[in-house]
Amino acid sequence: MKRLGIVLLAACAICPRMTYAGTTPCPPEKSLYAFDWGDEDGTRTVFMHQVVPPTELPPRATDVRFETWRKGKLIWSVDGEIYCSDVVPMCNLKLESTDGMRPNEGHEQCASFPLAVEQIREGEQIAYTVFGALTAYSMGCGKYAVIRVQDKDNLSAFERTEKIFPLPSYVRFESCKD
């Protein structure tokens, strides 16, 4: 927990302030969050909540999607679910994992590993969403996630050769979609 606190503090210190002109907070299902990787190709990962019928998910769970864009094109995406405890004030992220794979110890460990999720607010608006160890998890356990590649030609050399699709450990609020 101490490490997560340090990560949250660092994210707040180094991230630019969010801008949202609305007077009321943007609802989660309309909020777009992003992380810019800072490379010459303009790689960015966009994070959003998915709108699904309420009966398809357990209470206090939300479908989410990460999309990685490069040169203005969608390259790949992965879906997941954020679920929150009814007992302790804690939420976790679980990425959609491959079902067709023969279960092995690595697959089972990755599928059941909880990734803590913390939201940092500025006023009433969620300014940042922080995912505990998501970058390391996506590199170590990403081969068990369902990655939907949209544009094979624009995969990075690392993604193409290593079959590793990194995700950011935090995203910041970018805009409220209509």
Foldseek 3Di string as FASTA:
>chain_A
DVVVVVVVVVCVVPDDFADDPDPAAFDQQQWKWKDFPPDPQRKMKIKGWHDDPPVVDDPQKTKMKIFIDTNRHTFKMWIWMWHADPPDGWIWIATAFDDPDDDDPLLVCLRPDTWTWDFDDDPNYGFKIFTHCQQVSQQRVVVGHDMGGDDPVPDDPCCVPVVGDGDDRMIGTHYGHD
